[in-house]
Each structure stands twice: as structure tokens, then as C-alpha cells.
Amino acid sequence: MKRHDTTGTGTGVEARQDAAAAFSLLASPLVHEAIACAALLSESVEPESLHRLRVVLRRLRSLWWAYRSFFDKDVVRQQRALFKFLATAAGKTRDWDILLQLLEEEVEAESASSSELKAARARALAVSLETLANAGVKDVLRETLSDATKALNTAHERVSFRKFGDRQVAAREKLLRKRMKRALRAKKSDYASLHEVRKAGKTLRYLLELFGPVLRADHHRTLKRLTKIQKRFGALNDVVASEALLQQNEYLFGDSGARDSALRWLKQERKRRLRAARKLLRDA
């Protein structure tokens, strides 16, 4: 395979640099981006602002996973749980946005995009904003980064950033292959196994974006394949999550006929996207 000519990641990290010392150079930009996204929420309620915050929090969670051997297990568990909690809070409103968008695609479900559902979306947004405001995103992320940096300053493990990146990416590639094989052996209607593939693929993609420029092998093809998997599996996840959300809020439909029509359409769409995801998995 081709090797990279560059020795840096674009964040000032060099291939030969100590991995522990490189951590803050990777984490700091992500923390600053998350803080900036959170600050924008007080000025705007655009869905994209919440989505950007959720994505950067997921990247941080993946980075902490990669560096888990440098930290105390309980600390890693707590910090990753924090990132997940904040990302989930940011994602609640987006779940409603996706549901509304899907229902608008189905002509018979136009009445489902009613004021009641949009009001529910507004309530979800209020809860998301309140949760994130109470969490004190700026202070808690800075403290988390500071604690991690201090721990790494006293770390005994010494390994080059390139070797460390190769090792972490290889571990995630192995996990992804394992989950893909498991999903192919599962029943055709088994969504859970496909969801595990999606999660493993997403983490691998984040790690490739972080470590990619200094890795020994060129993972360009892998990234292209992961992008395709994420797109198709993400589309499936959107329908599955929307179907569950609608079932949990059936009372918002004044018209049972519109409700049943929407649920039928989502069920059919789930089956169609499930077949498409499995086909991509077989062809991968």
C-alpha cells in the first residue's frame, strides 16, 4: 500500500512525537470547537448547531477511547459517559427533525407533520438547551481536558504517535470486521447487529481522521468505504429511530388514520433500507 509523504496531522503533531504528548494537540481543537458550538446555542436554535456539537463530542469520545490505556479505567469510563450524555442531549431535537423530514416525504403523512408534532419538537429543543446549559459545557470540557493532560504528563508508556495510531486503527479495523461478519450471520431482520457495525465504523472513521496523515498505510479507500457504509446505515438508523419516536408519541396524532398510515410507511421504509444496508455489507 502507498505510504503518506506528510509527517504531520495538521494539528502540529509529528509522526515521531510521543503519543502522550500529542494528546493535547489533538484534543484541544476538538474541545474548543465543542465550546464554540455550545456558545452558539444561546444565539441560535438552528438544528445544524446541535448536530455539529453532537459530532464533535463523538470525536472526543473516540479520542478518549484510543488513549484509554494511559488513563485509569474508571476515569475513562466517566469521561466517555460525559461525552455521551452531552451528545445525547444535543441529539434529542435532531431526532424530531429527522422524523418530521421523513414524514414530509410521504404524501399520506402530510397531516402527521402537524402543529402537535412541531410543538413536541420545540419542547425537545427547550430540554436540550436547558440540559446543556445546566451541564456547563465550557467549564466541564476544559476541566476534563486539563485532568487528562495532567495524567498524561506522568504517563509511563512511551510510544511514537505513528506507532500508537497504527495500533489503534488496527484494533478498530479488527473490531469492524468482526461485527460485519456477525451481522452477515444474523437474521435478515436483525437491526441490532447492523447498528453495531455502524458504531464500529463511525469510531474507525473518526480515528482515521485524527491519525490518518501519520499512519504507515494509506487508508483512503477505507475512508471511502466507511463513508458509504455510514451514509446507508445512517439512513436506516434514521428510520428506526423515527419509528420508535413516533410509537412513543402516538398520542400526538388526533387522527388515528394518519398515525397508522405514517407507521405503515415507516415500517415499509425500514424494511427497504434494511435490505439495502445488508446488500452493501455483502458487497463490501
Protein backbone atom coordinates (compact mmCIF):
# COMPACT_ATOMS: atom_id res chain seq x y z
CA MET A 1 0.00 0.00 0.00
CA LYS A 2 1.11 3.61 -0.52
CA ARG A 3 2.73 5.49 2.32
CA HIS A 4 1.99 9.05 3.33
CA ASP A 5 4.61 11.65 2.46
CA THR A 6 3.45 14.02 5.16
CA THR A 7 4.56 13.61 8.77
CA GLY A 8 2.03 15.89 10.45
CA THR A 9 -1.71 15.82 11.11
CA GLY A 10 -2.44 19.48 10.51
CA THR A 11 -2.64 20.00 14.29
CA GLY A 12 1.10 20.26 14.81
CA VAL A 13 1.52 16.59 15.72
CA GLU A 14 4.52 14.81 14.20
CA ALA A 15 4.74 11.10 13.42
CA ARG A 16 7.77 10.58 15.67
CA GLN A 17 6.33 12.62 18.53
CA ASP A 18 5.47 10.88 21.77
CA ALA A 19 1.81 9.81 21.68
CA ALA A 20 1.12 11.02 25.23
CA ALA A 21 2.50 14.47 24.42
CA ALA A 22 0.43 14.58 21.20
CA PHE A 23 -2.87 14.08 23.02
CA SER A 24 -3.49 17.72 23.96
CA LEU A 25 -2.68 18.84 20.40
CA LEU A 26 -5.48 16.57 19.18
CA ALA A 27 -7.97 17.13 21.99
CA SER A 28 -7.66 20.91 22.41
CA PRO A 29 -9.07 21.88 18.97
CA LEU A 30 -11.99 19.49 19.49
CA VAL A 31 -12.72 20.87 22.96
CA HIS A 32 -12.58 24.45 21.65
CA GLU A 33 -14.89 23.52 18.77
CA ALA A 34 -17.38 21.92 21.17
CA ILE A 35 -17.32 25.01 23.40
CA ALA A 36 -17.84 27.26 20.37
CA CYS A 37 -20.80 25.14 19.21
CA ALA A 38 -22.34 25.25 22.69
CA ALA A 39 -21.90 29.03 22.83
CA LEU A 40 -23.76 29.41 19.53
CA LEU A 41 -26.78 27.66 21.00
CA SER A 42 -27.54 30.71 23.11
CA GLU A 43 -27.71 32.79 19.94
CA SER A 44 -29.30 30.33 17.50
CA VAL A 45 -31.55 27.29 17.58
CA GLU A 46 -30.58 26.01 14.14
CA PRO A 47 -30.63 22.19 14.02
CA GLU A 48 -27.17 22.21 12.45
CA SER A 49 -25.66 23.81 15.56
CA LEU A 50 -26.83 20.94 17.75
CA HIS A 51 -25.71 18.39 15.17
CA ARG A 52 -22.21 19.88 14.97
CA LEU A 53 -21.94 19.76 18.75
CA ARG A 54 -23.01 16.12 18.83
CA VAL A 55 -20.47 15.14 16.16
CA VAL A 56 -17.52 16.83 17.86
CA LEU A 57 -18.48 15.24 21.18
CA ARG A 58 -18.47 11.85 19.49
CA ARG A 59 -15.00 12.57 18.12
CA LEU A 60 -13.83 13.41 21.63
CA ARG A 61 -15.32 10.16 22.92
CA SER A 62 -13.44 8.22 20.24
CA LEU A 63 -10.18 10.00 21.11
CA TRP A 64 -10.57 9.14 24.78
CA TRP A 65 -11.22 5.52 23.79
CA ALA A 66 -8.00 5.47 21.75
CA TYR A 67 -5.98 6.78 24.72
CA ARG A 68 -7.71 4.58 27.29
CA SER A 69 -4.51 2.68 28.17
CA PHE A 70 -2.97 5.91 29.51
CA PHE A 71 -5.77 6.60 31.99
CA ASP A 72 -7.38 4.95 34.97
CA LYS A 73 -10.26 2.74 33.76
CA ASP A 74 -12.83 4.44 35.99
CA VAL A 75 -11.74 7.88 34.77
CA VAL A 76 -12.05 6.84 31.12
CA ARG A 77 -15.49 5.39 31.79
CA GLN A 78 -16.65 8.60 33.48
CA GLN A 79 -15.25 10.90 30.83
CA ARG A 80 -16.66 8.93 27.92
CA ALA A 81 -20.01 8.76 29.73
CA LEU A 82 -19.91 12.56 29.99
CA PHE A 83 -19.35 12.95 26.25
CA LYS A 84 -22.16 10.50 25.55
CA PHE A 85 -24.54 12.32 27.91
CA LEU A 86 -23.86 15.68 26.28
CA ALA A 87 -24.09 14.24 22.76
CA THR A 88 -27.41 12.56 23.59
CA ALA A 89 -28.77 15.84 24.97
CA ALA A 90 -27.75 17.59 21.75
CA GLY A 91 -29.30 14.83 19.64
CA LYS A 92 -32.82 14.84 21.09
CA THR A 93 -34.01 17.71 18.90
CA ARG A 94 -32.37 16.30 15.80
CA ASP A 95 -34.37 13.07 16.27
CA TRP A 96 -37.57 15.11 15.94
CA ASP A 97 -36.21 16.99 12.91
CA ILE A 98 -35.44 13.70 11.16
CA LEU A 99 -38.90 12.32 11.96
CA LEU A 100 -40.62 15.41 10.60
CA GLN A 101 -38.47 15.34 7.48
CA LEU A 102 -39.26 11.68 6.84
CA LEU A 103 -42.98 12.20 7.30
CA GLU A 104 -42.93 15.07 4.84
CA GLU A 105 -41.53 12.65 2.24
CA GLU A 106 -44.70 10.56 2.50
CA VAL A 107 -47.68 12.31 0.91
CA GLU A 108 -50.23 10.46 3.00
CA ALA A 109 -48.44 11.51 6.16
CA GLU A 110 -48.57 15.23 5.48
CA SER A 111 -51.15 15.65 8.21
CA ALA A 112 -48.70 13.97 10.58
CA SER A 113 -46.40 16.99 10.34
CA SER A 114 -48.95 18.81 12.43
CA SER A 115 -48.62 21.55 14.97
CA GLU A 116 -48.65 18.92 17.74
CA LEU A 117 -45.51 17.20 16.43
CA LYS A 118 -43.78 20.52 15.83
CA ALA A 119 -44.68 21.59 19.34
CA ALA A 120 -43.15 18.37 20.65
CA ARG A 121 -40.00 19.21 18.71
CA ALA A 122 -39.95 22.66 20.31
CA ARG A 123 -40.25 21.10 23.77
CA ALA A 124 -37.38 18.73 22.97
CA LEU A 125 -35.27 21.70 21.91
CA ALA A 126 -36.01 23.51 25.16
CA VAL A 127 -34.97 20.43 27.14
CA SER A 128 -31.77 20.05 25.09
CA LEU A 129 -30.79 23.67 25.61
CA GLU A 130 -31.59 23.55 29.33
CA THR A 131 -29.65 20.30 29.83
CA LEU A 132 -26.59 21.65 28.03
CA ALA A 133 -26.78 24.98 29.87
CA ASN A 134 -27.02 23.26 33.26
CA ALA A 135 -24.13 20.96 32.36
CA GLY A 136 -21.81 23.94 31.93
CA VAL A 137 -20.24 22.58 28.74
CA LYS A 138 -17.41 25.13 28.66
CA ASP A 139 -16.18 24.52 32.20
CA VAL A 140 -16.70 20.77 32.27
CA LEU A 141 -14.87 20.18 28.98
CA ARG A 142 -11.94 22.39 29.97
CA GLU A 143 -11.67 20.57 33.29
CA THR A 144 -11.83 17.20 31.57
CA LEU A 145 -9.07 18.19 29.15
CA SER A 146 -6.93 19.59 31.97
CA ASP A 147 -7.28 16.42 34.05
CA ALA A 148 -6.39 14.23 31.07
CA THR A 149 -3.35 16.34 30.18
CA LYS A 150 -2.05 16.16 33.76
CA ALA A 151 -2.46 12.39 33.80
CA LEU A 152 -0.58 12.05 30.52
CA ASN A 153 2.29 14.20 31.77
CA THR A 154 3.08 11.46 34.28
CA ALA A 155 2.33 8.52 31.97
CA HIS A 156 4.97 5.78 31.90
CA GLU A 157 4.02 4.42 28.49
CA ARG A 158 6.22 5.83 25.73
CA VAL A 159 5.39 5.17 22.10
CA SER A 160 5.61 7.23 18.91
CA PHE A 161 2.42 8.85 17.67
CA ARG A 162 2.67 6.94 14.39
CA LYS A 163 3.05 3.55 16.08
CA PHE A 164 0.26 4.42 18.52
CA GLY A 165 -2.07 5.50 15.70
CA ASP A 166 -1.33 2.36 13.67
CA ARG A 167 -2.14 0.24 16.71
CA GLN A 168 -5.44 1.97 17.50
CA VAL A 169 -6.66 1.93 13.91
CA ALA A 170 -5.74 -1.76 13.53
CA ALA A 171 -7.72 -2.60 16.67
CA ARG A 172 -10.80 -0.81 15.35
CA GLU A 173 -10.45 -2.35 11.90
CA LYS A 174 -10.37 -5.77 13.53
CA LEU A 175 -13.48 -4.97 15.57
CA LEU A 176 -15.31 -3.68 12.48
CA ARG A 177 -14.53 -6.86 10.52
CA LYS A 178 -15.73 -8.97 13.44
CA ARG A 179 -19.02 -7.08 13.66
CA MET A 180 -19.53 -7.21 9.90
CA LYS A 181 -19.17 -11.00 9.92
CA ARG A 182 -21.55 -11.26 12.85
CA ALA A 183 -24.13 -9.08 11.09
CA LEU A 184 -23.96 -11.20 7.94
CA ARG A 185 -24.68 -14.32 10.01
CA ALA A 186 -27.60 -12.66 11.81
CA LYS A 187 -31.23 -12.84 10.72
CA LYS A 188 -32.22 -10.54 7.88
CA SER A 189 -34.50 -8.59 10.20
CA ASP A 190 -31.80 -8.13 12.87
CA TYR A 191 -31.18 -4.40 13.09
CA ALA A 192 -29.09 -4.53 16.27
CA SER A 193 -26.15 -6.28 14.58
CA LEU A 194 -26.16 -3.69 11.77
CA HIS A 195 -26.24 -0.90 14.33
CA GLU A 196 -23.10 -2.36 15.94
CA VAL A 197 -21.40 -2.27 12.53
CA ARG A 198 -22.39 1.38 12.15
CA LYS A 199 -20.95 2.33 15.55
CA ALA A 200 -17.68 0.50 14.94
CA GLY A 201 -17.37 2.06 11.50
CA LYS A 202 -18.05 5.53 12.85
CA THR A 203 -15.35 5.26 15.52
CA LEU A 204 -12.85 3.92 12.97
CA ARG A 205 -13.62 6.84 10.68
CA TYR A 206 -13.03 9.34 13.48
CA LEU A 207 -9.71 7.71 14.33
CA LEU A 208 -8.62 7.76 10.69
CA GLU A 209 -9.46 11.45 10.53
CA LEU A 210 -7.37 12.07 13.66
CA PHE A 211 -4.39 9.81 12.92
CA GLY A 212 -4.65 9.39 9.13
CA PRO A 213 -1.82 11.66 7.94
CA VAL A 214 0.83 9.91 10.05
CA LEU A 215 -0.24 6.28 9.57
CA ARG A 216 2.10 3.97 7.69
CA ALA A 217 -0.58 2.78 5.28
CA ASP A 218 -2.82 4.87 3.05
CA HIS A 219 -6.39 4.39 4.30
CA HIS A 220 -8.06 6.48 1.60
CA ARG A 221 -10.01 3.51 0.24
CA THR A 222 -11.08 2.51 3.74
CA LEU A 223 -12.39 6.02 4.39
CA LYS A 224 -14.37 5.97 1.15
CA ARG A 225 -15.89 2.63 2.09
CA LEU A 226 -16.68 3.83 5.61
CA THR A 227 -18.35 6.96 4.23
CA LYS A 228 -20.59 4.79 2.05
CA ILE A 229 -21.42 2.49 4.97
CA GLN A 230 -22.16 5.42 7.26
CA LYS A 231 -24.47 7.01 4.71
CA ARG A 232 -26.54 3.90 4.07
CA PHE A 233 -26.53 2.63 7.65
CA GLY A 234 -27.28 6.15 8.89
CA ALA A 235 -30.33 6.30 6.63
CA LEU A 236 -31.53 3.02 8.18
CA ASN A 237 -30.91 4.32 11.68
CA ASP A 238 -32.93 7.47 10.92
CA VAL A 239 -35.99 5.38 10.06
CA VAL A 240 -35.60 3.01 13.02
CA ALA A 241 -35.21 5.90 15.48
CA SER A 242 -38.11 7.79 13.90
CA GLU A 243 -40.39 4.76 14.05
CA ALA A 244 -39.60 4.32 17.76
CA LEU A 245 -40.10 8.02 18.46
CA LEU A 246 -43.46 8.02 16.70
CA GLN A 247 -44.63 4.93 18.58
CA GLN A 248 -43.70 6.61 21.86
CA ASN A 249 -45.74 9.68 20.94
CA GLU A 250 -48.80 8.25 19.20
CA TYR A 251 -51.00 10.44 21.42
CA LEU A 252 -49.88 13.47 19.39
CA PHE A 253 -51.96 12.26 16.46
CA GLY A 254 -55.54 13.42 16.62
CA ASP A 255 -56.31 11.30 13.56
CA SER A 256 -55.65 7.58 14.10
CA GLY A 257 -55.78 7.06 10.33
CA ALA A 258 -52.87 9.45 9.78
CA ARG A 259 -50.97 7.79 12.60
CA ASP A 260 -51.45 4.28 11.20
CA SER A 261 -50.52 5.47 7.72
CA ALA A 262 -47.31 7.05 8.98
CA LEU A 263 -46.34 3.95 10.96
CA ARG A 264 -47.04 1.67 7.97
CA TRP A 265 -44.87 3.83 5.74
CA LEU A 266 -42.03 3.90 8.25
CA LYS A 267 -42.20 0.13 8.65
CA GLN A 268 -42.00 -0.38 4.89
CA GLU A 269 -39.17 2.12 4.62
CA ARG A 270 -37.31 0.37 7.44
CA LYS A 271 -37.51 -2.95 5.60
CA ARG A 272 -36.33 -1.36 2.36
CA ARG A 273 -33.37 0.35 3.99
CA LEU A 274 -32.54 -2.81 5.95
CA ARG A 275 -32.24 -4.75 2.68
CA ALA A 276 -30.08 -2.00 1.18
CA ALA A 277 -27.76 -2.00 4.23
CA ARG A 278 -27.35 -5.78 4.15
CA LYS A 279 -26.63 -5.70 0.41
CA LEU A 280 -23.87 -3.14 0.96
CA LEU A 281 -22.46 -5.33 3.72
CA ARG A 282 -22.38 -8.38 1.45
CA ASP A 283 -20.68 -6.41 -1.33
CA ALA A 284 -18.13 -4.76 0.97
